[in-house]
PDB file of N, CA and C in Angstrom:
ATOM      1  N   MET A   1      96.534 137.701  53.779  1.00  0.00           N
ATOM      2  CA  MET A   1      95.494 138.715  53.710  1.00  0.00           C
ATOM      3  C   MET A   1      94.727 138.724  55.037  1.00  0.00           C
ATOM      4  N   ALA A   2      94.621 139.877  55.643  1.00  0.00           N
ATOM      5  CA  ALA A   2      93.942 140.022  56.925  1.00  0.00           C
ATOM      6  C   ALA A   2      92.430 140.024  56.723  1.00  0.00           C
ATOM      7  N   ALA A   3      91.726 139.526  57.732  1.00  0.00           N
ATOM      8  CA  ALA A   3      90.265 139.507  57.678  1.00  0.00           C
ATOM      9  C   ALA A   3      89.723 140.930  57.808  1.00  0.00           C
ATOM     10  N   GLN A   4      88.668 141.216  57.107  1.00  0.00           N
ATOM     11  CA  GLN A   4      88.067 142.550  57.104  1.00  0.00           C
ATOM     12  C   GLN A   4      86.957 142.641  58.147  1.00  0.00           C
ATOM     13  N   ILE A   5      87.330 142.491  59.417  1.00  0.00           N
ATOM     14  CA  ILE A   5      86.355 142.586  60.495  1.00  0.00           C
ATOM     15  C   ILE A   5      86.877 143.561  61.546  1.00  0.00           C
ATOM     16  N   PRO A   6      86.012 144.224  62.270  1.00  0.00           N
ATOM     17  CA  PRO A   6      86.477 145.149  63.303  1.00  0.00           C
ATOM     18  C   PRO A   6      87.076 144.394  64.485  1.00  0.00           C
ATOM     19  N   ALA A   7      88.026 145.027  65.150  1.00  0.00           N
ATOM     20  CA  ALA A   7      88.684 144.402  66.295  1.00  0.00           C
ATOM     21  C   ALA A   7      87.704 144.238  67.453  1.00  0.00           C
ATOM     22  N   ARG A   8      86.888 145.254  67.698  1.00  0.00           N
ATOM     23  CA  ARG A   8      85.883 145.166  68.750  1.00  0.00           C
ATOM     24  C   ARG A   8      84.700 146.038  68.360  1.00  0.00           C
ATOM     25  N   VAL A   9      83.533 145.675  68.853  1.00  0.00           N
ATOM     26  CA  VAL A   9      82.326 146.442  68.578  1.00  0.00           C
ATOM     27  C   VAL A   9      81.656 146.770  69.907  1.00  0.00           C
ATOM     28  N   LYS A  10      80.881 147.841  69.926  1.00  0.00           N
ATOM     29  CA  LYS A  10      80.230 148.266  71.156  1.00  0.00           C
ATOM     30  C   LYS A  10      79.117 147.296  71.548  1.00  0.00           C
ATOM     31  N   PHE A  11      78.293 146.906  70.584  1.00  0.00           N
ATOM     32  CA  PHE A  11      77.200 145.978  70.850  1.00  0.00           C
ATOM     33  C   PHE A  11      77.276 144.832  69.856  1.00  0.00           C
ATOM     34  N   ARG A  12      77.442 143.623  70.352  1.00  0.00           N
ATOM     35  CA  ARG A  12      77.489 142.458  69.471  1.00  0.00           C
ATOM     36  C   ARG A  12      76.078 142.021  69.107  1.00  0.00           C
ATOM     37  N   LYS A  13      75.906 141.514  67.897  1.00  0.00           N
ATOM     38  CA  LYS A  13      74.597 141.034  67.467  1.00  0.00           C
ATOM     39  C   LYS A  13      74.304 139.691  68.126  1.00  0.00           C
ATOM     40  N   MET A  14      73.057 139.516  68.519  1.00  0.00           N
ATOM     41  CA  MET A  14      72.657 138.273  69.140  1.00  0.00           C
ATOM     42  C   MET A  14      72.530 137.185  68.076  1.00  0.00           C
ATOM     43  N   HIS A  15      73.094 136.009  68.353  1.00  0.00           N
ATOM     44  CA  HIS A  15      72.944 134.876  67.453  1.00  0.00           C
ATOM     45  C   HIS A  15      71.718 134.083  67.875  1.00  0.00           C
ATOM     46  N   ARG A  16      70.952 133.654  66.902  1.00  0.00           N
ATOM     47  CA  ARG A  16      69.699 132.976  67.217  1.00  0.00           C
ATOM     48  C   ARG A  16      69.907 131.539  67.672  1.00  0.00           C
ATOM     49  N   GLY A  17      70.932 130.880  67.230  1.00  0.00           N
ATOM     50  CA  GLY A  17      71.154 129.498  67.618  1.00  0.00           C
ATOM     51  C   GLY A  17      70.203 128.571  66.895  1.00  0.00           C
ATOM     52  N   SER A  18      69.972 127.399  67.461  1.00  0.00           N
ATOM     53  CA  SER A  18      69.100 126.422  66.813  1.00  0.00           C
ATOM     54  C   SER A  18      67.921 126.093  67.717  1.00  0.00           C
ATOM     55  N   ARG A  19      66.846 125.684  67.115  1.00  0.00           N
ATOM     56  CA  ARG A  19      65.648 125.265  67.839  1.00  0.00           C
ATOM     57  C   ARG A  19      65.622 123.743  67.787  1.00  0.00           C
ATOM     58  N   ALA A  20      66.178 123.092  68.765  1.00  0.00           N
ATOM     59  CA  ALA A  20      66.313 121.643  68.723  1.00  0.00           C
ATOM     60  C   ALA A  20      65.366 120.980  69.715  1.00  0.00           C
ATOM     61  N   GLY A  21      64.804 119.841  69.324  1.00  0.00           N
ATOM     62  CA  GLY A  21      64.035 119.018  70.229  1.00  0.00           C
ATOM     63  C   GLY A  21      62.611 119.472  70.460  1.00  0.00           C
ATOM     64  N   VAL A  22      61.929 118.733  71.314  1.00  0.00           N
ATOM     65  CA  VAL A  22      60.539 119.000  71.657  1.00  0.00           C
ATOM     66  C   VAL A  22      60.493 119.437  73.113  1.00  0.00           C
ATOM     67  N   ALA A  23      59.659 120.411  73.406  1.00  0.00           N
ATOM     68  CA  ALA A  23      59.565 120.931  74.772  1.00  0.00           C
ATOM     69  C   ALA A  23      59.010 119.856  75.706  1.00  0.00           C
ATOM     70  N   TRP A  24      59.674 119.659  76.810  1.00  0.00           N
ATOM     71  CA  TRP A  24      59.190 118.718  77.819  1.00  0.00           C
ATOM     72  C   TRP A  24      58.958 119.439  79.140  1.00  0.00           C
ATOM     73  N   LYS A  25      59.328 120.712  79.180  1.00  0.00           N
ATOM     74  CA  LYS A  25      59.186 121.500  80.392  1.00  0.00           C
ATOM     75  C   LYS A  25      58.499 122.807  80.017  1.00  0.00           C
ATOM     76  N   GLY A  26      57.576 123.254  80.823  1.00  0.00           N
ATOM     77  CA  GLY A  26      56.889 124.508  80.542  1.00  0.00           C
ATOM     78  C   GLY A  26      55.859 124.383  79.443  1.00  0.00           C
ATOM     79  N   CYS A  27      55.297 123.195  79.255  1.00  0.00           N
ATOM     80  CA  CYS A  27      54.320 122.995  78.187  1.00  0.00           C
ATOM     81  C   CYS A  27      52.900 122.844  78.733  1.00  0.00           C
ATOM     82  N   ASN A  28      52.700 123.172  79.993  1.00  0.00           N
ATOM     83  CA  ASN A  28      51.368 123.117  80.592  1.00  0.00           C
ATOM     84  C   ASN A  28      50.715 124.492  80.518  1.00  0.00           C
ATOM     85  N   ILE A  29      49.401 124.509  80.440  1.00  0.00           N
ATOM     86  CA  ILE A  29      48.663 125.766  80.384  1.00  0.00           C
ATOM     87  C   ILE A  29      48.629 126.378  81.778  1.00  0.00           C
ATOM     88  N   SER A  30      49.084 127.618  81.880  1.00  0.00           N
ATOM     89  CA  SER A  30      49.144 128.299  83.174  1.00  0.00           C
ATOM     90  C   SER A  30      47.895 129.123  83.443  1.00  0.00           C
ATOM     91  N   PHE A  31      47.348 129.757  82.384  1.00  0.00           N
ATOM     92  CA  PHE A  31      46.201 130.639  82.546  1.00  0.00           C
ATOM     93  C   PHE A  31      45.133 130.256  81.537  1.00  0.00           C
ATOM     94  N   GLY A  32      43.890 130.235  81.960  1.00  0.00           N
ATOM     95  CA  GLY A  32      42.783 129.972  81.049  1.00  0.00           C
ATOM     96  C   GLY A  32      42.572 128.497  80.756  1.00  0.00           C
ATOM     97  N   GLU A  33      41.780 128.236  79.704  1.00  0.00           N
ATOM     98  CA  GLU A  33      41.410 126.869  79.356  1.00  0.00           C
ATOM     99  C   GLU A  33      41.983 126.417  78.023  1.00  0.00           C
ATOM    100  N   TYR A  34      42.430 127.353  77.186  1.00  0.00           N
ATOM    101  CA  TYR A  34      42.911 127.019  75.852  1.00  0.00           C
ATOM    102  C   TYR A  34      44.344 127.494  75.688  1.00  0.00           C
ATOM    103  N   GLY A  35      45.080 126.828  74.804  1.00  0.00           N
ATOM    104  CA  GLY A  35      46.469 127.203  74.562  1.00  0.00           C
ATOM    105  C   GLY A  35      46.833 127.058  73.101  1.00  0.00           C
ATOM    106  N   LEU A  36      47.960 127.606  72.736  1.00  0.00           N
ATOM    107  CA  LEU A  36      48.481 127.555  71.378  1.00  0.00           C
ATOM    108  C   LEU A  36      49.684 126.621  71.382  1.00  0.00           C
ATOM    109  N   GLN A  37      49.683 125.640  70.487  1.00  0.00           N
ATOM    110  CA  GLN A  37      50.762 124.663  70.441  1.00  0.00           C
ATOM    111  C   GLN A  37      51.482 124.753  69.103  1.00  0.00           C
ATOM    112  N   ALA A  38      52.804 124.862  69.144  1.00  0.00           N
ATOM    113  CA  ALA A  38      53.614 124.907  67.927  1.00  0.00           C
ATOM    114  C   ALA A  38      53.877 123.483  67.450  1.00  0.00           C
ATOM    115  N   LEU A  39      53.730 123.253  66.148  1.00  0.00           N
ATOM    116  CA  LEU A  39      53.961 121.933  65.577  1.00  0.00           C
ATOM    117  C   LEU A  39      55.346 121.806  64.954  1.00  0.00           C
ATOM    118  N   ASP A  40      55.972 122.926  64.606  1.00  0.00           N
ATOM    119  CA  ASP A  40      57.305 122.922  64.017  1.00  0.00           C
ATOM    120  C   ASP A  40      58.230 123.784  64.864  1.00  0.00           C
ATOM    121  N   ARG A  41      59.528 123.561  64.682  1.00  0.00           N
ATOM    122  CA  ARG A  41      60.517 124.375  65.377  1.00  0.00           C
ATOM    123  C   ARG A  41      60.740 125.647  64.580  1.00  0.00           C
ATOM    124  N   ALA A  42      60.460 126.776  65.188  1.00  0.00           N
ATOM    125  CA  ALA A  42      60.643 128.059  64.510  1.00  0.00           C
ATOM    126  C   ALA A  42      60.569 129.180  65.533  1.00  0.00           C
ATOM    127  N   TRP A  43      61.060 130.344  65.124  1.00  0.00           N
ATOM    128  CA  TRP A  43      60.914 131.538  65.934  1.00  0.00           C
ATOM    129  C   TRP A  43      59.540 132.129  65.668  1.00  0.00           C
ATOM    130  N   ILE A  44      58.827 132.486  66.728  1.00  0.00           N
ATOM    131  CA  ILE A  44      57.495 133.070  66.595  1.00  0.00           C
ATOM    132  C   ILE A  44      57.572 134.500  67.113  1.00  0.00           C
ATOM    133  N   THR A  45      57.116 135.431  66.299  1.00  0.00           N
ATOM    134  CA  THR A  45      57.163 136.834  66.691  1.00  0.00           C
ATOM    135  C   THR A  45      55.968 137.170  67.576  1.00  0.00           C
ATOM    136  N   THR A  46      56.055 138.293  68.256  1.00  0.00           N
ATOM    137  CA  THR A  46      54.948 138.727  69.108  1.00  0.00           C
ATOM    138  C   THR A  46      53.723 139.075  68.276  1.00  0.00           C
ATOM    139  N   ARG A  47      53.929 139.557  67.056  1.00  0.00           N
ATOM    140  CA  ARG A  47      52.794 139.863  66.173  1.00  0.00           C
ATOM    141  C   ARG A  47      52.037 138.590  65.792  1.00  0.00           C
ATOM    142  N   GLN A  48      52.757 137.497  65.557  1.00  0.00           N
ATOM    143  CA  GLN A  48      52.104 136.231  65.228  1.00  0.00           C
ATOM    144  C   GLN A  48      51.307 135.708  66.417  1.00  0.00           C
ATOM    145  N   ILE A  49      51.871 135.800  67.613  1.00  0.00           N
ATOM    146  CA  ILE A  49      51.169 135.346  68.813  1.00  0.00           C
ATOM    147  C   ILE A  49      49.918 136.186  69.042  1.00  0.00           C
ATOM    148  N   GLU A  50      50.032 137.490  68.857  1.00  0.00           N
ATOM    149  CA  GLU A  50      48.885 138.380  69.045  1.00  0.00           C
ATOM    150  C   GLU A  50      47.804 138.104  68.012  1.00  0.00           C
ATOM    151  N   ALA A  51      48.183 137.826  66.751  1.00  0.00           N
ATOM    152  CA  ALA A  51      47.201 137.511  65.711  1.00  0.00           C
ATOM    153  C   ALA A  51      46.462 136.220  66.046  1.00  0.00           C
ATOM    154  N   CYS A  52      47.169 135.226  66.566  1.00  0.00           N
ATOM    155  CA  CYS A  52      46.524 133.970  66.974  1.00  0.00           C
ATOM    156  C   CYS A  52      45.572 134.205  68.138  1.00  0.00           C
ATOM    157  N   ARG A  53      46.002 135.008  69.102  1.00  0.00           N
ATOM    158  CA  ARG A  53      45.153 135.291  70.255  1.00  0.00           C
ATOM    159  C   ARG A  53      43.871 135.990  69.836  1.00  0.00           C
ATOM    160  N   GLN A  54      43.969 136.950  68.931  1.00  0.00           N
ATOM    161  CA  GLN A  54      42.789 137.664  68.457  1.00  0.00           C
ATOM    162  C   GLN A  54      41.852 136.731  67.695  1.00  0.00           C
ATOM    163  N   THR A  55      42.410 135.833  66.884  1.00  0.00           N
ATOM    164  CA  THR A  55      41.589 134.886  66.128  1.00  0.00           C
ATOM    165  C   THR A  55      40.856 133.930  67.055  1.00  0.00           C
ATOM    166  N   ILE A  56      41.561 133.409  68.052  1.00  0.00           N
ATOM    167  CA  ILE A  56      40.929 132.488  69.005  1.00  0.00           C
ATOM    168  C   ILE A  56      39.817 133.202  69.762  1.00  0.00           C
ATOM    169  N   THR A  57      40.068 134.434  70.200  1.00  0.00           N
ATOM    170  CA  THR A  57      39.061 135.203  70.933  1.00  0.00           C
ATOM    171  C   THR A  57      37.848 135.492  70.059  1.00  0.00           C
ATOM    172  N   ARG A  58      38.080 135.798  68.794  1.00  0.00           N
ATOM    173  CA  ARG A  58      36.987 136.116  67.869  1.00  0.00           C
ATOM    174  C   ARG A  58      36.114 134.889  67.588  1.00  0.00           C
ATOM    175  N   GLN A  59      36.703 133.707  67.540  1.00  0.00           N
ATOM    176  CA  GLN A  59      35.964 132.490  67.215  1.00  0.00           C
ATOM    177  C   GLN A  59      35.119 131.979  68.379  1.00  0.00           C
ATOM    178  N   MET A  60      35.395 132.439  69.576  1.00  0.00           N
ATOM    179  CA  MET A  60      34.646 131.936  70.739  1.00  0.00           C
ATOM    180  C   MET A  60      33.379 132.714  70.959  1.00  0.00           C
TER     181      MET A  60
END
């Protein structure tokens, strides 16, 4: 029985891969005095980052 997949596609879907390990590079604050630090490995959307930024700005 042949596999039911197309031979070729115009645009392949991006695979997310895995979020492994702890960041050891690029973890310094570049702008400002405060930063957001992730405690778990996960994908963070731009909406989540923007919501955090607005909350931090509102609390100051």
